[in-house]
């Protein structure tokens, strides 16, 4: 069993939702001429939080 599968199972079991990431698609670059771009940061919250704060978002 790989770690990503376990991570996704835990996220699903807890009923967490991913917060939208605003501002850019990637959070990391290797800063080369032909850059490698990755999204390394993820933000999760509960449905209760979204109910109280429906406009919550993650900013870079």
PDB file of N, CA and C in Angstrom:
ATOM      1  N   UNK A   1       0.862  -1.178   0.000  1.00  0.00           N
ATOM      2  CA  UNK A   1       0.000   0.000   0.000  1.00  0.00           C
ATOM      3  C   UNK A   1       0.902   1.233   0.000  1.00  0.00           C
ATOM      4  N   UNK A   2       0.638   2.158  -0.931  1.00  0.00           N
ATOM      5  CA  UNK A   2       1.506   3.340  -0.974  1.00  0.00           C
ATOM      6  C   UNK A   2       0.978   4.455  -0.076  1.00  0.00           C
ATOM      7  N   UNK A   3       1.876   5.375   0.257  1.00  0.00           N
ATOM      8  CA  UNK A   3       1.561   6.443   1.208  1.00  0.00           C
ATOM      9  C   UNK A   3       0.468   7.385   0.694  1.00  0.00           C
ATOM     10  N   UNK A   4       0.446   7.645  -0.620  1.00  0.00           N
ATOM     11  CA  UNK A   4      -0.575   8.542  -1.179  1.00  0.00           C
ATOM     12  C   UNK A   4      -1.960   7.925  -1.015  1.00  0.00           C
ATOM     13  N   UNK A   5      -2.073   6.638  -1.219  1.00  0.00           N
ATOM     14  CA  UNK A   5      -3.351   5.949  -1.044  1.00  0.00           C
ATOM     15  C   UNK A   5      -3.827   6.087   0.407  1.00  0.00           C
ATOM     16  N   UNK A   6      -2.924   5.860   1.353  1.00  0.00           N
ATOM     17  CA  UNK A   6      -3.276   5.974   2.773  1.00  0.00           C
ATOM     18  C   UNK A   6      -3.689   7.406   3.098  1.00  0.00           C
ATOM     19  N   UNK A   7      -2.918   8.371   2.599  1.00  0.00           N
ATOM     20  CA  UNK A   7      -3.240   9.783   2.817  1.00  0.00           C
ATOM     21  C   UNK A   7      -4.636  10.103   2.293  1.00  0.00           C
ATOM     22  N   UNK A   8      -4.938   9.697   1.069  1.00  0.00           N
ATOM     23  CA  UNK A   8      -6.255   9.954   0.482  1.00  0.00           C
ATOM     24  C   UNK A   8      -7.375   9.261   1.253  1.00  0.00           C
ATOM     25  N   UNK A   9      -7.117   8.069   1.744  1.00  0.00           N
ATOM     26  CA  UNK A   9      -8.106   7.352   2.556  1.00  0.00           C
ATOM     27  C   UNK A   9      -8.404   8.115   3.852  1.00  0.00           C
ATOM     28  N   UNK A  10      -7.378   8.652   4.486  1.00  0.00           N
ATOM     29  CA  UNK A  10      -7.564   9.417   5.721  1.00  0.00           C
ATOM     30  C   UNK A  10      -8.356  10.684   5.445  1.00  0.00           C
ATOM     31  N   UNK A  11      -8.011  11.400   4.373  1.00  0.00           N
ATOM     32  CA  UNK A  11      -8.734  12.620   3.993  1.00  0.00           C
ATOM     33  C   UNK A  11     -10.219  12.298   3.786  1.00  0.00           C
ATOM     34  N   UNK A  12     -10.487  11.223   3.057  1.00  0.00           N
ATOM     35  CA  UNK A  12     -11.869  10.820   2.817  1.00  0.00           C
ATOM     36  C   UNK A  12     -12.584  10.388   4.086  1.00  0.00           C
ATOM     37  N   UNK A  13     -11.921   9.625   4.908  1.00  0.00           N
ATOM     38  CA  UNK A  13     -12.509   9.138   6.170  1.00  0.00           C
ATOM     39  C   UNK A  13     -12.878  10.307   7.091  1.00  0.00           C
ATOM     40  N   UNK A  14     -12.028  11.325   7.141  1.00  0.00           N
ATOM     41  CA  UNK A  14     -12.292  12.489   7.993  1.00  0.00           C
ATOM     42  C   UNK A  14     -13.283  13.466   7.359  1.00  0.00           C
ATOM     43  N   UNK A  15     -13.608  13.251   6.095  1.00  0.00           N
ATOM     44  CA  UNK A  15     -14.550  14.133   5.415  1.00  0.00           C
ATOM     45  C   UNK A  15     -13.980  15.520   5.154  1.00  0.00           C
ATOM     46  N   UNK A  16     -12.664  15.604   4.975  1.00  0.00           N
ATOM     47  CA  UNK A  16     -12.041  16.904   4.742  1.00  0.00           C
ATOM     48  C   UNK A  16     -12.218  17.346   3.300  1.00  0.00           C
ATOM     49  N   UNK A  17     -12.258  18.658   3.125  1.00  0.00           N
ATOM     50  CA  UNK A  17     -12.384  19.253   1.795  1.00  0.00           C
ATOM     51  C   UNK A  17     -11.144  20.070   1.505  1.00  0.00           C
ATOM     52  N   UNK A  18     -10.712  20.046   0.256  1.00  0.00           N
ATOM     53  CA  UNK A  18      -9.560  20.842  -0.140  1.00  0.00           C
ATOM     54  C   UNK A  18      -9.989  22.285  -0.344  1.00  0.00           C
ATOM     55  N   UNK A  19      -9.246  23.220   0.241  1.00  0.00           N
ATOM     56  CA  UNK A  19      -9.525  24.634   0.041  1.00  0.00           C
ATOM     57  C   UNK A  19      -8.986  25.064  -1.318  1.00  0.00           C
ATOM     58  N   UNK A  20      -9.708  25.934  -1.994  1.00  0.00           N
ATOM     59  CA  UNK A  20      -9.192  26.428  -3.273  1.00  0.00           C
ATOM     60  C   UNK A  20      -7.913  27.232  -3.056  1.00  0.00           C
ATOM     61  N   UNK A  21      -6.967  27.074  -3.960  1.00  0.00           N
ATOM     62  CA  UNK A  21      -5.698  27.788  -3.897  1.00  0.00           C
ATOM     63  C   UNK A  21      -5.765  28.915  -4.921  1.00  0.00           C
ATOM     64  N   UNK A  22      -5.777  30.138  -4.472  1.00  0.00           N
ATOM     65  CA  UNK A  22      -5.948  31.294  -5.352  1.00  0.00           C
ATOM     66  C   UNK A  22      -4.611  31.976  -5.636  1.00  0.00           C
ATOM     67  N   UNK A  23      -4.483  32.528  -6.824  1.00  0.00           N
ATOM     68  CA  UNK A  23      -3.322  33.341  -7.137  1.00  0.00           C
ATOM     69  C   UNK A  23      -2.375  32.723  -8.145  1.00  0.00           C
ATOM     70  N   UNK A  24      -2.147  31.428  -8.056  1.00  0.00           N
ATOM     71  CA  UNK A  24      -1.286  30.740  -9.022  1.00  0.00           C
ATOM     72  C   UNK A  24      -1.501  29.240  -8.920  1.00  0.00           C
ATOM     73  N   UNK A  25      -1.115  28.544  -9.966  1.00  0.00           N
ATOM     74  CA  UNK A  25      -1.343  27.097 -10.018  1.00  0.00           C
ATOM     75  C   UNK A  25      -0.252  26.294  -9.332  1.00  0.00           C
ATOM     76  N   UNK A  26       0.950  26.865  -9.196  1.00  0.00           N
ATOM     77  CA  UNK A  26       2.080  26.124  -8.665  1.00  0.00           C
ATOM     78  C   UNK A  26       2.662  26.839  -7.452  1.00  0.00           C
ATOM     79  N   UNK A  27       3.199  26.070  -6.524  1.00  0.00           N
ATOM     80  CA  UNK A  27       3.762  26.658  -5.309  1.00  0.00           C
ATOM     81  C   UNK A  27       5.266  26.463  -5.210  1.00  0.00           C
ATOM     82  N   UNK A  28       5.864  25.770  -6.178  1.00  0.00           N
ATOM     83  CA  UNK A  28       7.293  25.538  -6.156  1.00  0.00           C
ATOM     84  C   UNK A  28       7.833  25.517  -7.578  1.00  0.00           C
ATOM     85  N   UNK A  29       9.038  26.038  -7.765  1.00  0.00           N
ATOM     86  CA  UNK A  29       9.737  25.988  -9.042  1.00  0.00           C
ATOM     87  C   UNK A  29      11.207  25.741  -8.783  1.00  0.00           C
ATOM     88  N   UNK A  30      11.864  25.025  -9.706  1.00  0.00           N
ATOM     89  CA  UNK A  30      13.301  24.822  -9.564  1.00  0.00           C
ATOM     90  C   UNK A  30      14.095  26.005 -10.130  1.00  0.00           C
ATOM     91  N   UNK A  31      13.396  27.044 -10.612  1.00  0.00           N
ATOM     92  CA  UNK A  31      13.990  28.304 -11.053  1.00  0.00           C
ATOM     93  C   UNK A  31      14.983  28.133 -12.211  1.00  0.00           C
ATOM     94  N   UNK A  32      14.767  27.149 -13.057  1.00  0.00           N
ATOM     95  CA  UNK A  32      15.625  26.933 -14.228  1.00  0.00           C
ATOM     96  C   UNK A  32      15.037  27.665 -15.437  1.00  0.00           C
ATOM     97  N   UNK A  33      15.801  27.733 -16.548  1.00  0.00           N
ATOM     98  CA  UNK A  33      15.312  28.373 -17.771  1.00  0.00           C
ATOM     99  C   UNK A  33      14.041  27.694 -18.271  1.00  0.00           C
ATOM    100  N   UNK A  34      14.013  26.392 -18.175  1.00  0.00           N
ATOM    101  CA  UNK A  34      12.811  25.619 -18.489  1.00  0.00           C
ATOM    102  C   UNK A  34      12.343  25.020 -17.164  1.00  0.00           C
ATOM    103  N   UNK A  35      11.555  25.772 -16.388  1.00  0.00           N
ATOM    104  CA  UNK A  35      11.307  25.382 -14.992  1.00  0.00           C
ATOM    105  C   UNK A  35      10.428  24.150 -14.825  1.00  0.00           C
ATOM    106  N   UNK A  36      10.719  23.448 -13.762  1.00  0.00           N
ATOM    107  CA  UNK A  36       9.863  22.383 -13.269  1.00  0.00           C
ATOM    108  C   UNK A  36       8.931  23.038 -12.260  1.00  0.00           C
ATOM    109  N   UNK A  37       7.636  22.943 -12.473  1.00  0.00           N
ATOM    110  CA  UNK A  37       6.645  23.585 -11.608  1.00  0.00           C
ATOM    111  C   UNK A  37       5.815  22.514 -10.922  1.00  0.00           C
ATOM    112  N   UNK A  38       5.616  22.661  -9.632  1.00  0.00           N
ATOM    113  CA  UNK A  38       4.843  21.685  -8.853  1.00  0.00           C
ATOM    114  C   UNK A  38       3.945  22.391  -7.849  1.00  0.00           C
ATOM    115  N   UNK A  39       2.845  21.744  -7.510  1.00  0.00           N
ATOM    116  CA  UNK A  39       2.010  22.210  -6.402  1.00  0.00           C
ATOM    117  C   UNK A  39       2.348  21.338  -5.203  1.00  0.00           C
ATOM    118  N   UNK A  40       3.092  21.910  -4.261  1.00  0.00           N
ATOM    119  CA  UNK A  40       3.520  21.161  -3.090  1.00  0.00           C
ATOM    120  C   UNK A  40       2.646  21.419  -1.871  1.00  0.00           C
ATOM    121  N   UNK A  41       1.940  22.520  -1.872  1.00  0.00           N
ATOM    122  CA  UNK A  41       1.130  22.899  -0.714  1.00  0.00           C
ATOM    123  C   UNK A  41      -0.333  22.551  -0.962  1.00  0.00           C
ATOM    124  N   UNK A  42      -0.938  21.924   0.023  1.00  0.00           N
ATOM    125  CA  UNK A  42      -2.351  21.577  -0.034  1.00  0.00           C
ATOM    126  C   UNK A  42      -2.983  22.031   1.271  1.00  0.00           C
ATOM    127  N   UNK A  43      -4.219  22.494   1.204  1.00  0.00           N
ATOM    128  CA  UNK A  43      -4.923  22.991   2.385  1.00  0.00           C
ATOM    129  C   UNK A  43      -6.269  22.294   2.482  1.00  0.00           C
ATOM    130  N   UNK A  44      -6.562  21.759   3.660  1.00  0.00           N
ATOM    131  CA  UNK A  44      -7.805  21.028   3.879  1.00  0.00           C
ATOM    132  C   UNK A  44      -8.542  21.615   5.071  1.00  0.00           C
ATOM    133  N   UNK A  45      -9.858  21.465   5.062  1.00  0.00           N
ATOM    134  CA  UNK A  45     -10.680  21.923   6.170  1.00  0.00           C
ATOM    135  C   UNK A  45     -11.905  21.023   6.278  1.00  0.00           C
ATOM    136  N   UNK A  46     -12.713  21.286   7.271  1.00  0.00           N
ATOM    137  CA  UNK A  46     -13.921  20.478   7.487  1.00  0.00           C
ATOM    138  C   UNK A  46     -15.134  21.138   6.844  1.00  0.00           C
ATOM    139  N   UNK A  47     -16.178  20.362   6.684  1.00  0.00           N
ATOM    140  CA  UNK A  47     -17.428  20.919   6.150  1.00  0.00           C
ATOM    141  C   UNK A  47     -18.014  21.933   7.131  1.00  0.00           C
ATOM    142  N   UNK A  48     -17.811  21.721   8.439  1.00  0.00           N
ATOM    143  CA  UNK A  48     -18.292  22.685   9.434  1.00  0.00           C
ATOM    144  C   UNK A  48     -17.629  24.048   9.232  1.00  0.00           C
ATOM    145  N   UNK A  49     -16.319  24.051   9.001  1.00  0.00           N
ATOM    146  CA  UNK A  49     -15.598  25.305   8.790  1.00  0.00           C
ATOM    147  C   UNK A  49     -16.141  26.025   7.548  1.00  0.00           C
ATOM    148  N   UNK A  50     -16.333  25.277   6.463  1.00  0.00           N
ATOM    149  CA  UNK A  50     -16.844  25.861   5.216  1.00  0.00           C
ATOM    150  C   UNK A  50     -18.252  26.422   5.428  1.00  0.00           C
ATOM    151  N   UNK A  51     -19.040  25.771   6.260  1.00  0.00           N
ATOM    152  CA  UNK A  51     -20.391  26.269   6.548  1.00  0.00           C
ATOM    153  C   UNK A  51     -20.351  27.624   7.252  1.00  0.00           C
ATOM    154  N   UNK A  52     -19.407  27.784   8.168  1.00  0.00           N
ATOM    155  CA  UNK A  52     -19.290  29.031   8.925  1.00  0.00           C
ATOM    156  C   UNK A  52     -18.542  30.095   8.125  1.00  0.00           C
ATOM    157  N   UNK A  53     -17.518  29.677   7.385  1.00  0.00           N
ATOM    158  CA  UNK A  53     -16.666  30.597   6.619  1.00  0.00           C
ATOM    159  C   UNK A  53     -16.633  30.158   5.154  1.00  0.00           C
ATOM    160  N   UNK A  54     -17.716  30.383   4.413  1.00  0.00           N
ATOM    161  CA  UNK A  54     -17.838  29.838   3.056  1.00  0.00           C
ATOM    162  C   UNK A  54     -16.858  30.433   2.036  1.00  0.00           C
ATOM    163  N   UNK A  55     -16.252  31.567   2.318  1.00  0.00           N
ATOM    164  CA  UNK A  55     -15.348  32.190   1.353  1.00  0.00           C
ATOM    165  C   UNK A  55     -13.878  31.978   1.701  1.00  0.00           C
ATOM    166  N   UNK A  56     -13.597  30.987   2.536  1.00  0.00           N
ATOM    167  CA  UNK A  56     -12.223  30.681   2.915  1.00  0.00           C
ATOM    168  C   UNK A  56     -11.442  30.199   1.690  1.00  0.00           C
ATOM    169  N   UNK A  57     -10.226  30.721   1.527  1.00  0.00           N
ATOM    170  CA  UNK A  57      -9.351  30.291   0.454  1.00  0.00           C
ATOM    171  C   UNK A  57      -7.909  30.377   0.919  1.00  0.00           C
ATOM    172  N   UNK A  58      -7.032  29.657   0.246  1.00  0.00           N
ATOM    173  CA  UNK A  58      -5.602  29.690   0.550  1.00  0.00           C
ATOM    174  C   UNK A  58      -4.920  30.597  -0.462  1.00  0.00           C
ATOM    175  N   UNK A  59      -4.056  31.465   0.053  1.00  0.00           N
ATOM    176  CA  UNK A  59      -3.317  32.393  -0.800  1.00  0.00           C
ATOM    177  C   UNK A  59      -1.823  32.087  -0.733  1.00  0.00           C
ATOM    178  N   UNK A  60      -1.108  32.248  -1.856  1.00  0.00           N
ATOM    179  CA  UNK A  60       0.350  31.994  -1.839  1.00  0.00           C
ATOM    180  C   UNK A  60       1.090  33.063  -1.054  1.00  0.00           C
TER     181      UNK A  60
END
